[in-house]
Amino acid sequence: MRDYLARQMNEKKMRERIEKEHNDEQAMMWARDKENYEQEEKRLAEKIKHINHDNAGFLKRQMGEKESRGGKRMHAEEFRMNKPLLK
């Protein structure tokens, strides 16, 4: 009977150890996934920031070119297209 109980205790300890190893491995995978997600989000935010900066520069150049041509007012078609934005 003692051998049977000792074997059961050993099996239970082994199952607990395997379950703990599995949980530790899962936790490491989640940590790695979280780190990868944060890196990707940071990369996308930087890309968007760069694109917005480029677009702002382009629009400023356009405004400068328009002012250098002496055109202070919008054409009628341009005004019609931009009317919702101007409000």
PDB file of N, CA and C in Angstrom:
ATOM      1  N   MET A   1       0.832  -1.193   0.000  1.00  0.00           N
ATOM      2  CA  MET A   1       0.000   0.000   0.000  1.00  0.00           C
ATOM      3  C   MET A   1       0.879   1.260   0.000  1.00  0.00           C
ATOM      4  N   ARG A   2       1.989   1.225   0.786  1.00  0.00           N
ATOM      5  CA  ARG A   2       2.886   2.386   0.830  1.00  0.00           C
ATOM      6  C   ARG A   2       3.501   2.656  -0.543  1.00  0.00           C
ATOM      7  N   ASP A   3       3.887   1.604  -1.218  1.00  0.00           N
ATOM      8  CA  ASP A   3       4.461   1.770  -2.559  1.00  0.00           C
ATOM      9  C   ASP A   3       3.440   2.412  -3.499  1.00  0.00           C
ATOM     10  N   TYR A   4       2.223   1.972  -3.416  1.00  0.00           N
ATOM     11  CA  TYR A   4       1.152   2.517  -4.265  1.00  0.00           C
ATOM     12  C   TYR A   4       0.955   4.011  -3.978  1.00  0.00           C
ATOM     13  N   LEU A   5       0.910   4.391  -2.702  1.00  0.00           N
ATOM     14  CA  LEU A   5       0.737   5.796  -2.332  1.00  0.00           C
ATOM     15  C   LEU A   5       1.955   6.622  -2.737  1.00  0.00           C
ATOM     16  N   ALA A   6       3.133   6.071  -2.563  1.00  0.00           N
ATOM     17  CA  ALA A   6       4.357   6.782  -2.960  1.00  0.00           C
ATOM     18  C   ALA A   6       4.366   7.002  -4.471  1.00  0.00           C
ATOM     19  N   ARG A   7       3.958   5.985  -5.231  1.00  0.00           N
ATOM     20  CA  ARG A   7       3.899   6.107  -6.691  1.00  0.00           C
ATOM     21  C   ARG A   7       2.875   7.178  -7.088  1.00  0.00           C
ATOM     22  N   GLN A   8       1.747   7.208  -6.423  1.00  0.00           N
ATOM     23  CA  GLN A   8       0.729   8.226  -6.715  1.00  0.00           C
ATOM     24  C   GLN A   8       1.276   9.623  -6.423  1.00  0.00           C
ATOM     25  N   MET A   9       1.978   9.776  -5.307  1.00  0.00           N
ATOM     26  CA  MET A   9       2.550  11.082  -4.959  1.00  0.00           C
ATOM     27  C   MET A   9       3.581  11.516  -5.992  1.00  0.00           C
ATOM     28  N   ASN A  10       4.413  10.586  -6.447  1.00  0.00           N
ATOM     29  CA  ASN A  10       5.419  10.903  -7.471  1.00  0.00           C
ATOM     30  C   ASN A  10       4.750  11.302  -8.782  1.00  0.00           C
ATOM     31  N   GLU A  11       3.709  10.580  -9.160  1.00  0.00           N
ATOM     32  CA  GLU A  11       2.985  10.906 -10.388  1.00  0.00           C
ATOM     33  C   GLU A  11       2.341  12.281 -10.284  1.00  0.00           C
ATOM     34  N   LYS A  12       1.784  12.598  -9.130  1.00  0.00           N
ATOM     35  CA  LYS A  12       1.154  13.904  -8.932  1.00  0.00           C
ATOM     36  C   LYS A  12       2.201  15.014  -9.011  1.00  0.00           C
ATOM     37  N   LYS A  13       3.368  14.819  -8.389  1.00  0.00           N
ATOM     38  CA  LYS A  13       4.441  15.818  -8.456  1.00  0.00           C
ATOM     39  C   LYS A  13       4.922  16.005  -9.885  1.00  0.00           C
ATOM     40  N   MET A  14       5.023  14.896 -10.627  1.00  0.00           N
ATOM     41  CA  MET A  14       5.466  14.971 -12.014  1.00  0.00           C
ATOM     42  C   MET A  14       4.438  15.741 -12.861  1.00  0.00           C
ATOM     43  N   ARG A  15       3.145  15.460 -12.656  1.00  0.00           N
ATOM     44  CA  ARG A  15       2.098  16.183 -13.393  1.00  0.00           C
ATOM     45  C   ARG A  15       2.132  17.671 -13.059  1.00  0.00           C
ATOM     46  N   GLU A  16       2.322  17.993 -11.780  1.00  0.00           N
ATOM     47  CA  GLU A  16       2.401  19.402 -11.374  1.00  0.00           C
ATOM     48  C   GLU A  16       3.615  20.084 -11.989  1.00  0.00           C
ATOM     49  N   ARG A  17       4.742  19.387 -12.043  1.00  0.00           N
ATOM     50  CA  ARG A  17       5.954  19.959 -12.642  1.00  0.00           C
ATOM     51  C   ARG A  17       5.747  20.204 -14.134  1.00  0.00           C
ATOM     52  N   ILE A  18       5.150  19.226 -14.821  1.00  0.00           N
ATOM     53  CA  ILE A  18       4.891  19.380 -16.257  1.00  0.00           C
ATOM     54  C   ILE A  18       3.915  20.530 -16.508  1.00  0.00           C
ATOM     55  N   GLU A  19       2.884  20.639 -15.670  1.00  0.00           N
ATOM     56  CA  GLU A  19       1.915  21.730 -15.823  1.00  0.00           C
ATOM     57  C   GLU A  19       2.571  23.086 -15.574  1.00  0.00           C
ATOM     58  N   LYS A  20       3.455  23.154 -14.580  1.00  0.00           N
ATOM     59  CA  LYS A  20       4.164  24.400 -14.293  1.00  0.00           C
ATOM     60  C   LYS A  20       5.061  24.779 -15.463  1.00  0.00           C
ATOM     61  N   GLU A  21       5.769  23.795 -16.032  1.00  0.00           N
ATOM     62  CA  GLU A  21       6.615  24.061 -17.196  1.00  0.00           C
ATOM     63  C   GLU A  21       5.779  24.567 -18.364  1.00  0.00           C
ATOM     64  N   HIS A  22       4.628  23.942 -18.558  1.00  0.00           N
ATOM     65  CA  HIS A  22       3.729  24.367 -19.641  1.00  0.00           C
ATOM     66  C   HIS A  22       3.249  25.809 -19.410  1.00  0.00           C
ATOM     67  N   ASN A  23       2.866  26.128 -18.173  1.00  0.00           N
ATOM     68  CA  ASN A  23       2.408  27.488 -17.853  1.00  0.00           C
ATOM     69  C   ASN A  23       3.534  28.508 -18.039  1.00  0.00           C
ATOM     70  N   ASP A  24       4.755  28.131 -17.626  1.00  0.00           N
ATOM     71  CA  ASP A  24       5.893  29.037 -17.804  1.00  0.00           C
ATOM     72  C   ASP A  24       6.173  29.290 -19.285  1.00  0.00           C
ATOM     73  N   GLU A  25       6.085  28.216 -20.076  1.00  0.00           N
ATOM     74  CA  GLU A  25       6.304  28.346 -21.520  1.00  0.00           C
ATOM     75  C   GLU A  25       5.227  29.246 -22.149  1.00  0.00           C
ATOM     76  N   GLN A  26       3.983  29.067 -21.725  1.00  0.00           N
ATOM     77  CA  GLN A  26       2.880  29.890 -22.232  1.00  0.00           C
ATOM     78  C   GLN A  26       3.091  31.354 -21.851  1.00  0.00           C
ATOM     79  N   ALA A  27       3.528  31.593 -20.622  1.00  0.00           N
ATOM     80  CA  ALA A  27       3.779  32.971 -20.177  1.00  0.00           C
ATOM     81  C   ALA A  27       4.892  33.607 -20.999  1.00  0.00           C
ATOM     82  N   MET A  28       5.933  32.834 -21.315  1.00  0.00           N
ATOM     83  CA  MET A  28       7.020  33.373 -22.142  1.00  0.00           C
ATOM     84  C   MET A  28       6.513  33.702 -23.542  1.00  0.00           C
ATOM     85  N   MET A  29       5.656  32.858 -24.092  1.00  0.00           N
ATOM     86  CA  MET A  29       5.109  33.113 -25.423  1.00  0.00           C
ATOM     87  C   MET A  29       4.263  34.386 -25.417  1.00  0.00           C
ATOM     88  N   TRP A  30       3.446  34.563 -24.368  1.00  0.00           N
ATOM     89  CA  TRP A  30       2.626  35.778 -24.274  1.00  0.00           C
ATOM     90  C   TRP A  30       3.492  37.015 -24.146  1.00  0.00           C
ATOM     91  N   ALA A  31       4.558  36.931 -23.366  1.00  0.00           N
ATOM     92  CA  ALA A  31       5.470  38.069 -23.210  1.00  0.00           C
ATOM     93  C   ALA A  31       6.128  38.405 -24.544  1.00  0.00           C
ATOM     94  N   ARG A  32       6.538  37.372 -25.287  1.00  0.00           N
ATOM     95  CA  ARG A  32       7.146  37.589 -26.596  1.00  0.00           C
ATOM     96  C   ARG A  32       6.142  38.207 -27.566  1.00  0.00           C
ATOM     97  N   ASP A  33       4.903  37.699 -27.551  1.00  0.00           N
ATOM     98  CA  ASP A  33       3.851  38.252 -28.414  1.00  0.00           C
ATOM     99  C   ASP A  33       3.584  39.717 -28.074  1.00  0.00           C
ATOM    100  N   LYS A  34       3.543  40.031 -26.784  1.00  0.00           N
ATOM    101  CA  LYS A  34       3.310  41.414 -26.357  1.00  0.00           C
ATOM    102  C   LYS A  34       4.436  42.318 -26.833  1.00  0.00           C
ATOM    103  N   GLU A  35       5.666  41.850 -26.703  1.00  0.00           N
ATOM    104  CA  GLU A  35       6.810  42.644 -27.145  1.00  0.00           C
ATOM    105  C   GLU A  35       6.771  42.867 -28.656  1.00  0.00           C
ATOM    106  N   ASN A  36       6.455  41.811 -29.414  1.00  0.00           N
ATOM    107  CA  ASN A  36       6.349  41.936 -30.871  1.00  0.00           C
ATOM    108  C   ASN A  36       5.238  42.918 -31.256  1.00  0.00           C
ATOM    109  N   TYR A  37       4.101  42.833 -30.568  1.00  0.00           N
ATOM    110  CA  TYR A  37       2.981  43.735 -30.836  1.00  0.00           C
ATOM    111  C   TYR A  37       3.385  45.181 -30.577  1.00  0.00           C
ATOM    112  N   GLU A  38       4.045  45.424 -29.447  1.00  0.00           N
ATOM    113  CA  GLU A  38       4.454  46.790 -29.114  1.00  0.00           C
ATOM    114  C   GLU A  38       5.472  47.327 -30.119  1.00  0.00           C
ATOM    115  N   GLN A  39       6.397  46.473 -30.567  1.00  0.00           N
ATOM    116  CA  GLN A  39       7.368  46.905 -31.567  1.00  0.00           C
ATOM    117  C   GLN A  39       6.684  47.255 -32.883  1.00  0.00           C
ATOM    118  N   GLU A  40       5.717  46.433 -33.290  1.00  0.00           N
ATOM    119  CA  GLU A  40       4.993  46.697 -34.538  1.00  0.00           C
ATOM    120  C   GLU A  40       4.171  47.978 -34.432  1.00  0.00           C
ATOM    121  N   GLU A  41       3.516  48.184 -33.290  1.00  0.00           N
ATOM    122  CA  GLU A  41       2.752  49.414 -33.090  1.00  0.00           C
ATOM    123  C   GLU A  41       3.671  50.636 -33.141  1.00  0.00           C
ATOM    124  N   LYS A  42       4.835  50.541 -32.539  1.00  0.00           N
ATOM    125  CA  LYS A  42       5.794  51.642 -32.554  1.00  0.00           C
ATOM    126  C   LYS A  42       6.271  51.911 -33.974  1.00  0.00           C
ATOM    127  N   ARG A  43       6.552  50.839 -34.729  1.00  0.00           N
ATOM    128  CA  ARG A  43       6.995  50.994 -36.119  1.00  0.00           C
ATOM    129  C   ARG A  43       5.910  51.665 -36.961  1.00  0.00           C
ATOM    130  N   LEU A  44       4.657  51.233 -36.784  1.00  0.00           N
ATOM    131  CA  LEU A  44       3.558  51.834 -37.542  1.00  0.00           C
ATOM    132  C   LEU A  44       3.356  53.302 -37.166  1.00  0.00           C
ATOM    133  N   ALA A  45       3.465  53.625 -35.882  1.00  0.00           N
ATOM    134  CA  ALA A  45       3.309  55.013 -35.442  1.00  0.00           C
ATOM    135  C   ALA A  45       4.401  55.882 -36.049  1.00  0.00           C
ATOM    136  N   GLU A  46       5.629  55.386 -36.093  1.00  0.00           N
ATOM    137  CA  GLU A  46       6.733  56.132 -36.697  1.00  0.00           C
ATOM    138  C   GLU A  46       6.499  56.321 -38.199  1.00  0.00           C
ATOM    139  N   LYS A  47       6.003  55.272 -38.854  1.00  0.00           N
ATOM    140  CA  LYS A  47       5.732  55.357 -40.291  1.00  0.00           C
ATOM    141  C   LYS A  47       4.655  56.406 -40.562  1.00  0.00           C
ATOM    142  N   ILE A  48       3.580  56.394 -39.767  1.00  0.00           N
ATOM    143  CA  ILE A  48       2.502  57.372 -39.935  1.00  0.00           C
ATOM    144  C   ILE A  48       3.024  58.782 -39.671  1.00  0.00           C
ATOM    145  N   LYS A  49       3.846  58.929 -38.636  1.00  0.00           N
ATOM    146  CA  LYS A  49       4.415  60.233 -38.314  1.00  0.00           C
ATOM    147  C   LYS A  49       5.269  60.743 -39.481  1.00  0.00           C
ATOM    148  N   HIS A  50       6.049  59.867 -40.065  1.00  0.00           N
ATOM    149  CA  HIS A  50       6.896  60.242 -41.199  1.00  0.00           C
ATOM    150  C   HIS A  50       6.043  60.642 -42.410  1.00  0.00           C
ATOM    151  N   ILE A  51       5.004  59.866 -42.688  1.00  0.00           N
ATOM    152  CA  ILE A  51       4.116  60.180 -43.820  1.00  0.00           C
ATOM    153  C   ILE A  51       3.430  61.527 -43.600  1.00  0.00           C
ATOM    154  N   ASN A  52       2.943  61.765 -42.375  1.00  0.00           N
ATOM    155  CA  ASN A  52       2.298  63.046 -42.070  1.00  0.00           C
ATOM    156  C   ASN A  52       3.271  64.202 -42.222  1.00  0.00           C
ATOM    157  N   HIS A  53       4.514  63.995 -41.803  1.00  0.00           N
ATOM    158  CA  HIS A  53       5.537  65.041 -41.932  1.00  0.00           C
ATOM    159  C   HIS A  53       5.795  65.338 -43.408  1.00  0.00           C
ATOM    160  N   ASP A  54       5.910  64.287 -44.222  1.00  0.00           N
ATOM    161  CA  ASP A  54       6.112  64.464 -45.662  1.00  0.00           C
ATOM    162  C   ASP A  54       4.932  65.195 -46.294  1.00  0.00           C
ATOM    163  N   ASN A  55       3.707  64.811 -45.912  1.00  0.00           N
ATOM    164  CA  ASN A  55       2.516  65.468 -46.466  1.00  0.00           C
ATOM    165  C   ASN A  55       2.464  66.942 -46.075  1.00  0.00           C
ATOM    166  N   ALA A  56       2.815  67.242 -44.825  1.00  0.00           N
ATOM    167  CA  ALA A  56       2.822  68.638 -44.383  1.00  0.00           C
ATOM    168  C   ALA A  56       3.832  69.444 -45.185  1.00  0.00           C
ATOM    169  N   GLY A  57       5.005  68.867 -45.420  1.00  0.00           N
ATOM    170  CA  GLY A  57       6.019  69.555 -46.228  1.00  0.00           C
ATOM    171  C   GLY A  57       5.537  69.792 -47.645  1.00  0.00           C
ATOM    172  N   PHE A  58       4.872  68.797 -48.223  1.00  0.00           N
ATOM    173  CA  PHE A  58       4.343  68.934 -49.574  1.00  0.00           C
ATOM    174  C   PHE A  58       3.308  70.056 -49.642  1.00  0.00           C
ATOM    175  N   LEU A  59       2.398  70.078 -48.662  1.00  0.00           N
ATOM    176  CA  LEU A  59       1.365  71.117 -48.655  1.00  0.00           C
ATOM    177  C   LEU A  59       1.976  72.503 -48.451  1.00  0.00           C
ATOM    178  N   LYS A  60       2.991  72.611 -47.614  1.00  0.00           N
ATOM    179  CA  LYS A  60       3.660  73.903 -47.415  1.00  0.00           C
ATOM    180  C   LYS A  60       4.343  74.365 -48.700  1.00  0.00           C
ATOM    181  N   ARG A  61       4.951  73.425 -49.418  1.00  0.00           N
ATOM    182  CA  ARG A  61       5.570  73.786 -50.704  1.00  0.00           C
ATOM    183  C   ARG A  61       4.511  74.270 -51.685  1.00  0.00           C
ATOM    184  N   GLN A  62       3.379  73.573 -51.722  1.00  0.00           N
ATOM    185  CA  GLN A  62       2.293  73.993 -52.610  1.00  0.00           C
ATOM    186  C   GLN A  62       1.823  75.401 -52.259  1.00  0.00           C
ATOM    187  N   MET A  63       1.667  75.674 -50.972  1.00  0.00           N
ATOM    188  CA  MET A  63       1.220  77.002 -50.548  1.00  0.00           C
ATOM    189  C   MET A  63       2.252  78.062 -50.940  1.00  0.00           C
ATOM    190  N   GLY A  64       3.524  77.728 -50.768  1.00  0.00           N
ATOM    191  CA  GLY A  64       4.577  78.663 -51.148  1.00  0.00           C
ATOM    192  C   GLY A  64       4.579  78.934 -52.638  1.00  0.00           C
ATOM    193  N   GLU A  65       4.397  77.900 -53.432  1.00  0.00           N
ATOM    194  CA  GLU A  65       4.354  78.067 -54.885  1.00  0.00           C
ATOM    195  C   GLU A  65       3.166  78.933 -55.293  1.00  0.00           C
ATOM    196  N   LYS A  66       2.033  78.705 -54.668  1.00  0.00           N
ATOM    197  CA  LYS A  66       0.839  79.479 -54.998  1.00  0.00           C
ATOM    198  C   LYS A  66       1.046  80.948 -54.646  1.00  0.00           C
ATOM    199  N   GLU A  67       1.636  81.206 -53.484  1.00  0.00           N
ATOM    200  CA  GLU A  67       1.890  82.593 -53.085  1.00  0.00           C
ATOM    201  C   GLU A  67       2.904  83.249 -54.014  1.00  0.00           C
ATOM    202  N   SER A  68       3.895  82.481 -54.456  1.00  0.00           N
ATOM    203  CA  SER A  68       4.902  83.058 -55.342  1.00  0.00           C
ATOM    204  C   SER A  68       4.317  83.402 -56.710  1.00  0.00           C
ATOM    205  N   ARG A  69       3.250  82.714 -57.112  1.00  0.00           N
ATOM    206  CA  ARG A  69       2.576  83.030 -58.372  1.00  0.00           C
ATOM    207  C   ARG A  69       1.659  84.236 -58.224  1.00  0.00           C
ATOM    208  N   GLY A  70       1.453  84.649 -57.012  1.00  0.00           N
ATOM    209  CA  GLY A  70       0.612  85.821 -56.791  1.00  0.00           C
ATOM    210  C   GLY A  70      -0.854  85.491 -56.619  1.00  0.00           C
ATOM    211  N   GLY A  71      -1.225  84.246 -56.637  1.00  0.00           N
ATOM    212  CA  GLY A  71      -2.629  83.860 -56.507  1.00  0.00           C
ATOM    213  C   GLY A  71      -3.023  83.772 -55.047  1.00  0.00           C
ATOM    214  N   LYS A  72      -3.663  84.787 -54.551  1.00  0.00           N
ATOM    215  CA  LYS A  72      -4.075  84.797 -53.149  1.00  0.00           C
ATOM    216  C   LYS A  72      -5.435  84.129 -52.961  1.00  0.00           C
ATOM    217  N   ARG A  73      -6.257  84.154 -53.991  1.00  0.00           N
ATOM    218  CA  ARG A  73      -7.601  83.601 -53.860  1.00  0.00           C
ATOM    219  C   ARG A  73      -7.682  82.263 -54.586  1.00  0.00           C
ATOM    220  N   MET A  74      -8.627  81.456 -54.145  1.00  0.00           N
ATOM    221  CA  MET A  74      -8.860  80.166 -54.783  1.00  0.00           C
ATOM    222  C   MET A  74      -9.694  80.357 -56.036  1.00  0.00           C
ATOM    223  N   HIS A  75      -9.470  79.473 -56.959  1.00  0.00           N
ATOM    224  CA  HIS A  75     -10.342  79.439 -58.129  1.00  0.00           C
ATOM    225  C   HIS A  75     -11.712  78.950 -57.674  1.00  0.00           C
ATOM    226  N   ALA A  76     -12.720  79.207 -58.487  1.00  0.00           N
ATOM    227  CA  ALA A  76     -14.090  78.841 -58.112  1.00  0.00           C
ATOM    228  C   ALA A  76     -14.216  77.333 -57.889  1.00  0.00           C
ATOM    229  N   GLU A  77     -13.601  76.556 -58.751  1.00  0.00           N
ATOM    230  CA  GLU A  77     -13.682  75.093 -58.620  1.00  0.00           C
ATOM    231  C   GLU A  77     -12.948  74.629 -57.361  1.00  0.00           C
ATOM    232  N   GLU A  78     -11.790  75.209 -57.093  1.00  0.00           N
ATOM    233  CA  GLU A  78     -11.026  74.867 -55.893  1.00  0.00           C
ATOM    234  C   GLU A  78     -11.813  75.238 -54.635  1.00  0.00           C
ATOM    235  N   PHE A  79     -12.462  76.403 -54.654  1.00  0.00           N
ATOM    236  CA  PHE A  79     -13.266  76.836 -53.518  1.00  0.00           C
ATOM    237  C   PHE A  79     -14.429  75.884 -53.277  1.00  0.00           C
ATOM    238  N   ARG A  80     -15.080  75.451 -54.374  1.00  0.00           N
ATOM    239  CA  ARG A  80     -16.197  74.519 -54.253  1.00  0.00           C
ATOM    240  C   ARG A  80     -15.759  73.190 -53.626  1.00  0.00           C
ATOM    241  N   MET A  81     -14.601  72.718 -54.024  1.00  0.00           N
ATOM    242  CA  MET A  81     -14.103  71.434 -53.490  1.00  0.00           C
ATOM    243  C   MET A  81     -13.693  71.579 -52.003  1.00  0.00           C
ATOM    244  N   ASN A  82     -13.188  72.724 -51.622  1.00  0.00           N
ATOM    245  CA  ASN A  82     -12.686  72.920 -50.267  1.00  0.00           C
ATOM    246  C   ASN A  82     -13.685  73.552 -49.302  1.00  0.00           C
ATOM    247  N   LYS A  83     -14.871  73.887 -49.813  1.00  0.00           N
ATOM    248  CA  LYS A  83     -15.854  74.572 -48.998  1.00  0.00           C
ATOM    249  C   LYS A  83     -16.165  73.834 -47.689  1.00  0.00           C
ATOM    250  N   PRO A  84     -16.382  72.492 -47.692  1.00  0.00           N
ATOM    251  CA  PRO A  84     -16.645  71.800 -46.415  1.00  0.00           C
ATOM    252  C   PRO A  84     -15.469  71.907 -45.440  1.00  0.00           C
ATOM    253  N   LEU A  85     -14.256  71.931 -45.956  1.00  0.00           N
ATOM    254  CA  LEU A  85     -13.081  72.034 -45.078  1.00  0.00           C
ATOM    255  C   LEU A  85     -12.930  73.432 -44.507  1.00  0.00           C
ATOM    256  N   LEU A  86     -13.351  74.417 -45.258  1.00  0.00           N
ATOM    257  CA  LEU A  86     -13.204  75.799 -44.810  1.00  0.00           C
ATOM    258  C   LEU A  86     -14.210  76.154 -43.719  1.00  0.00           C
ATOM    259  N   LYS A  87     -15.314  75.443 -43.696  1.00  0.00           N
ATOM    260  CA  LYS A  87     -16.320  75.713 -42.660  1.00  0.00           C
ATOM    261  C   LYS A  87     -15.776  75.216 -41.373  1.00  0.00           C
TER     262      LYS A  87
END
